[in-house]
């Protein structure tokens, strides 16, 4: 698998991240969102590069682990600050920032890539004691029982997977 995320990109995000790096909304969550997104990118119309980048930006500017209105917009702003480092075109960048901005406020979106971004995050709700409900998922693949079960099981283990984000080595 080819990843658009680099160790340098993660280090830059970590340098400004305000919460505990391994906390509820930190790098471990992002790595599971990444894996969920890779799985959901098997669907037609899903841009895997956007889904990968969503995983590291959507919660990158959280100010707390609870209700944090505006964190998605701030994550999109961080992506804009990193724009020169992101190997995506302008259309993909717009999808990325839209997904970040709306991931907690919109039920769904017309674009399949944005839907997959939402679902990749929502499939990791087990980490906060919630079993994902297909009614709140957007894409056909995410609504499948076997995908929900797979993601939920993974969400219960709070440890960084080997080679997170498709990178070799430990990126903690």
N, C-alpha and C. Protein backbone atom coordinates (compact mmCIF):
# COMPACT_ATOMS: atom_id res chain seq x y z
N UNK A 1 0.83 -1.18 0.00
CA UNK A 1 0.00 0.00 0.00
C UNK A 1 0.88 1.25 0.00
N UNK A 2 0.52 2.21 -0.81
CA UNK A 2 1.23 3.47 -0.86
C UNK A 2 0.53 4.47 0.04
N UNK A 3 1.29 5.15 0.86
CA UNK A 3 0.72 6.15 1.76
C UNK A 3 1.22 7.54 1.37
N UNK A 4 0.36 8.53 1.57
CA UNK A 4 0.76 9.92 1.32
C UNK A 4 1.23 10.58 2.61
N UNK A 5 1.12 9.87 3.71
CA UNK A 5 1.54 10.40 5.01
C UNK A 5 3.01 10.08 5.21
N UNK A 6 3.75 11.05 5.72
CA UNK A 6 5.17 10.85 5.99
C UNK A 6 5.44 11.02 7.48
N UNK A 7 6.56 10.47 7.92
CA UNK A 7 6.97 10.64 9.32
C UNK A 7 7.20 12.11 9.63
N UNK A 8 7.70 12.86 8.66
CA UNK A 8 7.93 14.30 8.87
C UNK A 8 6.62 15.05 9.07
N UNK A 9 5.61 14.68 8.31
CA UNK A 9 4.29 15.29 8.44
C UNK A 9 3.72 15.04 9.83
N UNK A 10 3.83 13.79 10.30
CA UNK A 10 3.35 13.45 11.64
C UNK A 10 4.12 14.21 12.71
N UNK A 11 5.41 14.35 12.52
CA UNK A 11 6.22 15.09 13.50
C UNK A 11 5.80 16.56 13.56
N UNK A 12 5.50 17.15 12.43
CA UNK A 12 5.05 18.55 12.42
C UNK A 12 3.70 18.70 13.12
N UNK A 13 2.81 17.74 12.89
CA UNK A 13 1.51 17.80 13.56
C UNK A 13 1.69 17.59 15.06
N UNK A 14 2.52 16.64 15.43
CA UNK A 14 2.77 16.38 16.85
C UNK A 14 3.33 17.62 17.54
N UNK A 15 4.15 18.37 16.84
CA UNK A 15 4.76 19.57 17.42
C UNK A 15 3.77 20.64 17.83
N UNK A 16 2.59 20.64 17.24
CA UNK A 16 1.59 21.65 17.60
C UNK A 16 0.38 21.05 18.31
N UNK A 17 0.32 19.72 18.44
CA UNK A 17 -0.83 19.04 19.03
C UNK A 17 -0.94 19.38 20.51
N UNK A 18 -2.13 19.79 20.96
CA UNK A 18 -2.30 20.30 22.32
C UNK A 18 -2.67 19.23 23.35
N UNK A 19 -3.13 18.09 22.91
CA UNK A 19 -3.59 17.06 23.83
C UNK A 19 -2.54 15.97 23.99
N UNK A 20 -2.88 14.96 24.80
CA UNK A 20 -1.99 13.83 24.96
C UNK A 20 -1.90 13.08 23.62
N UNK A 21 -0.69 12.90 23.11
CA UNK A 21 -0.45 12.30 21.81
C UNK A 21 -1.13 10.94 21.67
N UNK A 22 -1.12 10.15 22.75
CA UNK A 22 -1.74 8.82 22.73
C UNK A 22 -3.13 8.83 23.35
N UNK A 23 -3.75 10.00 23.47
CA UNK A 23 -5.06 10.12 24.09
C UNK A 23 -6.20 9.67 23.19
N UNK A 24 -7.41 9.87 23.66
CA UNK A 24 -8.62 9.42 22.98
C UNK A 24 -8.73 9.89 21.53
N UNK A 25 -8.31 11.12 21.26
CA UNK A 25 -8.40 11.68 19.91
C UNK A 25 -7.04 11.85 19.24
N UNK A 26 -6.03 11.17 19.75
CA UNK A 26 -4.67 11.32 19.24
C UNK A 26 -4.27 10.31 18.19
N UNK A 27 -2.98 10.07 18.13
CA UNK A 27 -2.38 9.30 17.04
C UNK A 27 -2.89 7.86 16.94
N UNK A 28 -3.26 7.25 18.06
CA UNK A 28 -3.77 5.88 18.00
C UNK A 28 -5.13 5.88 17.29
N UNK A 29 -5.98 6.84 17.66
CA UNK A 29 -7.27 7.00 16.96
C UNK A 29 -7.03 7.28 15.48
N UNK A 30 -6.13 8.18 15.18
CA UNK A 30 -5.87 8.53 13.78
C UNK A 30 -5.42 7.31 12.99
N UNK A 31 -4.60 6.45 13.62
CA UNK A 31 -4.11 5.27 12.89
C UNK A 31 -5.25 4.30 12.59
N UNK A 32 -6.22 4.19 13.50
CA UNK A 32 -7.38 3.33 13.22
C UNK A 32 -8.28 3.97 12.16
N UNK A 33 -8.45 5.29 12.21
CA UNK A 33 -9.22 5.98 11.18
C UNK A 33 -8.55 5.76 9.82
N UNK A 34 -7.23 5.80 9.79
CA UNK A 34 -6.48 5.53 8.57
C UNK A 34 -6.80 4.12 8.04
N UNK A 35 -6.71 3.11 8.92
CA UNK A 35 -7.00 1.73 8.49
C UNK A 35 -8.44 1.58 8.05
N UNK A 36 -9.37 2.20 8.77
CA UNK A 36 -10.78 2.17 8.36
C UNK A 36 -10.92 2.78 6.98
N UNK A 37 -10.27 3.91 6.77
CA UNK A 37 -10.35 4.61 5.50
C UNK A 37 -9.79 3.80 4.35
N UNK A 38 -8.68 3.11 4.60
CA UNK A 38 -8.10 2.25 3.55
C UNK A 38 -9.12 1.19 3.16
N UNK A 39 -9.77 0.61 4.14
CA UNK A 39 -10.78 -0.42 3.87
C UNK A 39 -11.94 0.18 3.08
N UNK A 40 -12.41 1.36 3.48
CA UNK A 40 -13.56 1.99 2.81
C UNK A 40 -13.20 2.51 1.43
N UNK A 41 -11.93 2.74 1.18
CA UNK A 41 -11.48 3.23 -0.14
C UNK A 41 -11.60 2.16 -1.21
N UNK A 42 -11.96 0.94 -0.81
CA UNK A 42 -12.21 -0.12 -1.79
C UNK A 42 -13.48 0.16 -2.59
N UNK A 43 -14.31 1.08 -2.10
CA UNK A 43 -15.55 1.42 -2.79
C UNK A 43 -15.28 2.35 -3.97
N UNK A 44 -16.06 2.19 -4.99
CA UNK A 44 -15.94 3.06 -6.16
C UNK A 44 -16.20 4.51 -5.76
N UNK A 45 -15.37 5.40 -6.27
CA UNK A 45 -15.56 6.83 -6.05
C UNK A 45 -14.90 7.38 -4.80
N UNK A 46 -14.14 6.55 -4.07
CA UNK A 46 -13.46 7.03 -2.86
C UNK A 46 -11.99 7.29 -3.19
N UNK A 47 -11.55 8.51 -2.89
CA UNK A 47 -10.17 8.92 -3.14
C UNK A 47 -9.33 8.55 -1.92
N UNK A 48 -8.46 7.56 -2.06
CA UNK A 48 -7.69 7.04 -0.95
C UNK A 48 -6.72 8.08 -0.37
N UNK A 49 -6.17 8.96 -1.19
CA UNK A 49 -5.23 9.98 -0.68
C UNK A 49 -5.95 10.93 0.28
N UNK A 50 -7.16 11.33 -0.08
CA UNK A 50 -7.93 12.24 0.77
C UNK A 50 -8.28 11.56 2.08
N UNK A 51 -8.72 10.31 2.01
CA UNK A 51 -9.10 9.57 3.22
C UNK A 51 -7.89 9.41 4.14
N UNK A 52 -6.73 9.12 3.57
CA UNK A 52 -5.52 8.99 4.38
C UNK A 52 -5.21 10.31 5.11
N UNK A 53 -5.23 11.41 4.39
CA UNK A 53 -4.90 12.70 5.00
C UNK A 53 -5.95 13.13 6.02
N UNK A 54 -7.21 12.81 5.76
CA UNK A 54 -8.26 13.10 6.73
C UNK A 54 -7.93 12.48 8.08
N UNK A 55 -7.40 11.27 8.05
CA UNK A 55 -7.13 10.55 9.30
C UNK A 55 -6.22 11.34 10.24
N UNK A 56 -5.27 12.08 9.72
CA UNK A 56 -4.33 12.80 10.58
C UNK A 56 -4.71 14.26 10.82
N UNK A 57 -5.59 14.81 10.02
CA UNK A 57 -5.96 16.22 10.21
C UNK A 57 -7.29 16.45 10.93
N UNK A 58 -8.22 15.51 10.87
CA UNK A 58 -9.57 15.78 11.36
C UNK A 58 -9.63 16.15 12.84
N UNK A 59 -8.78 15.57 13.67
CA UNK A 59 -8.76 15.88 15.10
C UNK A 59 -7.45 16.53 15.54
N UNK A 60 -6.66 16.98 14.61
CA UNK A 60 -5.31 17.48 14.90
C UNK A 60 -5.28 18.79 15.68
N UNK A 61 -6.37 19.50 15.71
CA UNK A 61 -6.41 20.78 16.42
C UNK A 61 -7.46 20.78 17.54
N UNK A 62 -7.72 19.64 18.09
CA UNK A 62 -8.64 19.57 19.23
C UNK A 62 -8.01 20.31 20.40
N UNK A 63 -8.86 20.93 21.19
CA UNK A 63 -8.41 21.63 22.39
C UNK A 63 -8.78 20.88 23.65
N UNK A 64 -9.66 19.86 23.52
CA UNK A 64 -10.01 19.00 24.66
C UNK A 64 -10.52 17.67 24.12
N UNK A 65 -10.68 16.72 25.01
CA UNK A 65 -11.10 15.37 24.62
C UNK A 65 -12.62 15.19 24.62
N UNK A 66 -13.36 16.24 24.92
CA UNK A 66 -14.81 16.12 25.05
C UNK A 66 -15.48 16.89 23.90
N UNK A 67 -16.44 17.71 24.20
CA UNK A 67 -17.08 18.54 23.17
C UNK A 67 -16.11 19.65 22.80
N UNK A 68 -15.82 19.76 21.54
CA UNK A 68 -14.86 20.77 21.07
C UNK A 68 -15.36 21.34 19.75
N UNK A 69 -16.33 22.20 19.88
CA UNK A 69 -16.92 22.82 18.69
C UNK A 69 -15.82 23.58 17.93
N UNK A 70 -15.78 23.36 16.64
CA UNK A 70 -14.80 24.06 15.81
C UNK A 70 -13.51 23.31 15.58
N UNK A 71 -13.34 22.14 16.21
CA UNK A 71 -12.07 21.44 16.02
C UNK A 71 -11.88 20.97 14.58
N UNK A 72 -12.96 20.62 13.90
CA UNK A 72 -12.84 20.20 12.51
C UNK A 72 -12.38 21.33 11.59
N UNK A 73 -12.95 22.52 11.83
CA UNK A 73 -12.52 23.69 11.06
C UNK A 73 -11.05 23.99 11.34
N UNK A 74 -10.65 23.90 12.60
CA UNK A 74 -9.25 24.15 12.93
C UNK A 74 -8.33 23.09 12.31
N UNK A 75 -8.79 21.84 12.23
CA UNK A 75 -8.02 20.80 11.56
C UNK A 75 -7.86 21.10 10.08
N UNK A 76 -8.93 21.61 9.46
CA UNK A 76 -8.86 22.01 8.04
C UNK A 76 -7.87 23.18 7.87
N UNK A 77 -7.86 24.08 8.83
CA UNK A 77 -6.91 25.21 8.77
C UNK A 77 -5.47 24.71 8.87
N UNK A 78 -5.24 23.70 9.72
CA UNK A 78 -3.89 23.14 9.80
C UNK A 78 -3.50 22.48 8.47
N UNK A 79 -4.44 21.78 7.86
CA UNK A 79 -4.16 21.20 6.54
C UNK A 79 -3.77 22.29 5.55
N UNK A 80 -4.44 23.44 5.64
CA UNK A 80 -4.11 24.56 4.75
C UNK A 80 -2.69 25.06 5.03
N UNK A 81 -2.30 25.07 6.29
CA UNK A 81 -0.93 25.48 6.63
C UNK A 81 0.10 24.49 6.05
N UNK A 82 -0.29 23.24 5.91
CA UNK A 82 0.58 22.19 5.40
C UNK A 82 0.42 21.99 3.89
N UNK A 83 -0.37 22.82 3.25
CA UNK A 83 -0.75 22.61 1.84
C UNK A 83 0.43 22.27 0.94
N UNK A 84 1.56 22.94 1.14
CA UNK A 84 2.73 22.71 0.28
C UNK A 84 3.32 21.31 0.46
N UNK A 85 3.01 20.64 1.55
CA UNK A 85 3.55 19.30 1.83
C UNK A 85 2.60 18.19 1.40
N UNK A 86 1.40 18.55 1.00
CA UNK A 86 0.38 17.54 0.71
C UNK A 86 0.37 17.19 -0.78
N UNK A 87 0.59 15.92 -1.10
CA UNK A 87 0.67 15.49 -2.50
C UNK A 87 -0.72 15.25 -3.12
N UNK A 88 -1.55 16.28 -3.08
CA UNK A 88 -2.89 16.20 -3.64
C UNK A 88 -3.16 17.46 -4.45
N UNK A 89 -4.10 17.36 -5.39
CA UNK A 89 -4.44 18.52 -6.20
C UNK A 89 -5.49 19.38 -5.49
N UNK A 90 -5.87 20.48 -6.10
CA UNK A 90 -6.79 21.42 -5.46
C UNK A 90 -8.17 20.82 -5.21
N UNK A 91 -8.65 20.00 -6.12
CA UNK A 91 -9.95 19.37 -5.93
C UNK A 91 -9.92 18.42 -4.73
N UNK A 92 -8.83 17.64 -4.63
CA UNK A 92 -8.68 16.74 -3.49
C UNK A 92 -8.53 17.51 -2.19
N UNK A 93 -7.81 18.62 -2.25
CA UNK A 93 -7.64 19.44 -1.05
C UNK A 93 -8.98 19.99 -0.57
N UNK A 94 -9.83 20.39 -1.48
CA UNK A 94 -11.17 20.87 -1.10
C UNK A 94 -11.97 19.74 -0.44
N UNK A 95 -11.87 18.53 -0.95
CA UNK A 95 -12.55 17.40 -0.32
C UNK A 95 -12.02 17.15 1.09
N UNK A 96 -10.70 17.23 1.25
CA UNK A 96 -10.09 17.04 2.56
C UNK A 96 -10.58 18.07 3.56
N UNK A 97 -10.54 19.33 3.20
CA UNK A 97 -10.94 20.37 4.14
C UNK A 97 -12.44 20.32 4.43
N UNK A 98 -13.23 19.97 3.42
CA UNK A 98 -14.67 19.81 3.63
C UNK A 98 -14.94 18.69 4.63
N UNK A 99 -14.28 17.56 4.44
CA UNK A 99 -14.47 16.42 5.35
C UNK A 99 -14.05 16.78 6.77
N UNK A 100 -12.93 17.46 6.92
CA UNK A 100 -12.48 17.87 8.26
C UNK A 100 -13.49 18.81 8.91
N UNK A 101 -13.90 19.83 8.17
CA UNK A 101 -14.81 20.84 8.71
C UNK A 101 -16.16 20.25 9.13
N UNK A 102 -16.67 19.29 8.38
CA UNK A 102 -18.03 18.81 8.59
C UNK A 102 -18.13 17.47 9.32
N UNK A 103 -17.03 16.85 9.70
CA UNK A 103 -17.10 15.47 10.18
C UNK A 103 -17.91 15.27 11.45
N UNK A 104 -18.13 16.31 12.23
CA UNK A 104 -18.97 16.15 13.43
C UNK A 104 -20.32 16.85 13.31
N UNK A 105 -20.50 17.64 12.27
CA UNK A 105 -21.75 18.41 12.17
C UNK A 105 -22.70 17.95 11.07
N UNK A 106 -22.18 17.26 10.07
CA UNK A 106 -23.03 16.82 8.96
C UNK A 106 -23.31 15.32 9.09
N UNK A 107 -24.53 14.93 8.81
CA UNK A 107 -24.89 13.51 8.85
C UNK A 107 -24.27 12.77 7.68
N UNK A 108 -24.25 13.43 6.52
CA UNK A 108 -23.67 12.82 5.33
C UNK A 108 -23.27 13.95 4.38
N UNK A 109 -22.86 13.58 3.18
CA UNK A 109 -22.42 14.54 2.16
C UNK A 109 -22.67 13.89 0.80
N UNK A 110 -22.77 14.70 -0.24
CA UNK A 110 -23.03 14.15 -1.57
C UNK A 110 -21.82 13.43 -2.16
N UNK A 111 -20.62 13.76 -1.70
CA UNK A 111 -19.41 13.18 -2.26
C UNK A 111 -19.03 11.89 -1.52
N UNK A 112 -18.76 10.83 -2.27
CA UNK A 112 -18.45 9.52 -1.68
C UNK A 112 -17.15 9.57 -0.87
N UNK A 113 -16.16 10.33 -1.29
CA UNK A 113 -14.91 10.42 -0.53
C UNK A 113 -15.16 11.07 0.83
N UNK A 114 -15.93 12.14 0.87
CA UNK A 114 -16.25 12.81 2.13
C UNK A 114 -17.05 11.86 3.01
N UNK A 115 -17.98 11.11 2.43
CA UNK A 115 -18.73 10.12 3.19
C UNK A 115 -17.79 9.09 3.82
N UNK A 116 -16.83 8.61 3.04
CA UNK A 116 -15.89 7.61 3.56
C UNK A 116 -15.04 8.19 4.69
N UNK A 117 -14.70 9.47 4.59
CA UNK A 117 -13.97 10.12 5.69
C UNK A 117 -14.82 10.11 6.96
N UNK A 118 -16.07 10.55 6.84
CA UNK A 118 -16.97 10.53 8.00
C UNK A 118 -17.04 9.13 8.60
N UNK A 119 -17.26 8.13 7.73
CA UNK A 119 -17.41 6.76 8.20
C UNK A 119 -16.13 6.22 8.84
N UNK A 120 -14.98 6.57 8.30
CA UNK A 120 -13.73 6.06 8.85
C UNK A 120 -13.54 6.52 10.29
N UNK A 121 -14.01 7.71 10.61
CA UNK A 121 -13.97 8.24 11.97
C UNK A 121 -15.06 7.59 12.83
N UNK A 122 -16.26 7.53 12.32
CA UNK A 122 -17.40 6.99 13.09
C UNK A 122 -17.24 5.50 13.40
N UNK A 123 -16.53 4.78 12.57
CA UNK A 123 -16.29 3.36 12.82
C UNK A 123 -15.36 3.14 14.02
N UNK A 124 -14.74 4.19 14.52
CA UNK A 124 -13.83 4.07 15.67
C UNK A 124 -14.48 4.53 16.98
N UNK A 125 -15.79 4.59 17.01
CA UNK A 125 -16.49 5.05 18.21
C UNK A 125 -16.39 4.08 19.39
N UNK A 126 -16.00 2.85 19.15
CA UNK A 126 -15.85 1.90 20.24
C UNK A 126 -14.87 2.39 21.30
N UNK A 127 -13.91 3.22 20.91
CA UNK A 127 -12.93 3.73 21.86
C UNK A 127 -13.57 4.57 22.95
N UNK A 128 -14.80 5.07 22.70
CA UNK A 128 -15.53 5.85 23.71
C UNK A 128 -16.81 5.13 24.13
N UNK A 129 -16.84 3.82 23.91
CA UNK A 129 -17.94 3.00 24.40
C UNK A 129 -19.20 2.98 23.54
N UNK A 130 -19.09 3.36 22.28
CA UNK A 130 -20.26 3.39 21.40
C UNK A 130 -20.05 2.41 20.25
N UNK A 131 -21.02 1.53 20.05
CA UNK A 131 -20.99 0.64 18.90
C UNK A 131 -21.53 1.42 17.70
N UNK A 132 -20.78 1.51 16.61
CA UNK A 132 -21.26 2.25 15.44
C UNK A 132 -22.62 1.72 14.96
N UNK A 133 -23.53 2.64 14.68
CA UNK A 133 -24.88 2.30 14.22
C UNK A 133 -24.94 2.56 12.72
N UNK A 134 -25.30 1.55 11.91
CA UNK A 134 -25.34 1.74 10.46
C UNK A 134 -26.21 2.92 10.04
N UNK A 135 -27.18 3.28 10.84
CA UNK A 135 -28.06 4.40 10.53
C UNK A 135 -27.28 5.72 10.44
N UNK A 136 -26.14 5.79 11.13
CA UNK A 136 -25.34 7.02 11.15
C UNK A 136 -24.10 6.92 10.26
N UNK A 137 -24.02 5.86 9.48
CA UNK A 137 -22.92 5.70 8.53
C UNK A 137 -23.42 6.05 7.14
N UNK A 138 -22.51 6.40 6.26
CA UNK A 138 -22.89 6.94 4.95
C UNK A 138 -22.74 5.96 3.79
N UNK A 139 -21.67 5.18 3.81
CA UNK A 139 -21.36 4.35 2.64
C UNK A 139 -21.86 2.92 2.81
N UNK A 140 -22.18 2.27 1.70
CA UNK A 140 -22.67 0.88 1.78
C UNK A 140 -21.71 -0.05 2.50
N UNK A 141 -20.42 0.06 2.21
CA UNK A 141 -19.44 -0.84 2.83
C UNK A 141 -19.37 -0.63 4.34
N UNK A 142 -19.39 0.62 4.78
CA UNK A 142 -19.31 0.91 6.22
C UNK A 142 -20.50 0.35 6.98
N UNK A 143 -21.63 0.23 6.33
CA UNK A 143 -22.86 -0.25 6.98
C UNK A 143 -22.91 -1.77 7.11
N UNK A 144 -21.98 -2.46 6.46
CA UNK A 144 -21.97 -3.92 6.52
C UNK A 144 -21.58 -4.39 7.92
N UNK A 145 -22.31 -5.36 8.42
CA UNK A 145 -22.08 -5.87 9.79
C UNK A 145 -20.64 -6.31 9.99
N UNK A 146 -20.06 -7.00 9.02
CA UNK A 146 -18.70 -7.49 9.19
C UNK A 146 -17.69 -6.34 9.29
N UNK A 147 -17.93 -5.23 8.61
CA UNK A 147 -17.05 -4.06 8.70
C UNK A 147 -17.21 -3.39 10.05
N UNK A 148 -18.45 -3.22 10.48
CA UNK A 148 -18.71 -2.62 11.80
C UNK A 148 -18.07 -3.46 12.90
N UNK A 149 -18.25 -4.78 12.84
CA UNK A 149 -17.67 -5.67 13.85
C UNK A 149 -16.15 -5.60 13.84
N UNK A 150 -15.55 -5.62 12.65
CA UNK A 150 -14.10 -5.54 12.49
C UNK A 150 -13.57 -4.24 13.11
N UNK A 151 -14.19 -3.13 12.76
CA UNK A 151 -13.74 -1.83 13.26
C UNK A 151 -13.97 -1.70 14.76
N UNK A 152 -15.11 -2.16 15.22
CA UNK A 152 -15.42 -2.06 16.65
C UNK A 152 -14.41 -2.87 17.47
N UNK A 153 -14.11 -4.06 17.05
CA UNK A 153 -13.13 -4.88 17.76
C UNK A 153 -11.78 -4.17 17.84
N UNK A 154 -11.34 -3.60 16.75
CA UNK A 154 -10.06 -2.88 16.73
C UNK A 154 -10.10 -1.64 17.63
N UNK A 155 -11.26 -0.99 17.70
CA UNK A 155 -11.36 0.25 18.47
C UNK A 155 -11.23 0.03 19.97
N UNK A 156 -11.37 -1.21 20.41
CA UNK A 156 -11.29 -1.51 21.84
C UNK A 156 -9.85 -1.66 22.33
N UNK A 157 -8.90 -1.72 21.42
CA UNK A 157 -7.49 -1.92 21.77
C UNK A 157 -6.74 -0.60 21.60
N UNK A 158 -6.35 -0.01 22.73
CA UNK A 158 -5.71 1.31 22.69
C UNK A 158 -4.20 1.18 22.61
N UNK A 159 -3.76 0.77 21.43
CA UNK A 159 -2.32 0.72 21.18
C UNK A 159 -2.08 0.99 19.70
N UNK A 160 -0.93 1.55 19.43
CA UNK A 160 -0.57 1.87 18.05
C UNK A 160 -0.20 0.59 17.31
N UNK A 161 -0.81 0.40 16.16
CA UNK A 161 -0.54 -0.79 15.35
C UNK A 161 0.88 -0.74 14.81
N UNK A 162 1.46 -1.90 14.53
CA UNK A 162 2.77 -1.90 13.86
C UNK A 162 2.64 -1.21 12.50
N UNK A 163 3.61 -0.45 12.15
CA UNK A 163 3.64 0.29 10.89
C UNK A 163 2.36 1.12 10.67
N UNK A 164 2.05 2.01 11.64
CA UNK A 164 0.86 2.84 11.46
C UNK A 164 0.99 3.74 10.25
N UNK A 165 -0.11 4.02 9.61
CA UNK A 165 -0.18 4.89 8.44
C UNK A 165 0.62 4.35 7.26
N UNK A 166 0.90 3.05 7.30
CA UNK A 166 1.67 2.45 6.21
C UNK A 166 3.14 2.79 6.26
N UNK A 167 3.60 3.33 7.38
CA UNK A 167 5.01 3.71 7.53
C UNK A 167 5.79 2.59 8.19
N UNK A 168 7.02 2.44 7.82
CA UNK A 168 7.88 1.45 8.47
C UNK A 168 8.35 2.02 9.80
N UNK A 169 8.36 1.21 10.82
CA UNK A 169 8.88 1.65 12.11
C UNK A 169 7.80 2.23 13.00
N UNK A 170 8.18 2.59 14.21
CA UNK A 170 7.28 3.10 15.23
C UNK A 170 7.17 4.61 15.11
N UNK A 171 5.97 5.11 14.88
CA UNK A 171 5.78 6.55 14.67
C UNK A 171 5.20 7.25 15.90
N UNK A 172 5.39 6.67 17.09
CA UNK A 172 4.89 7.32 18.30
C UNK A 172 5.71 8.54 18.54
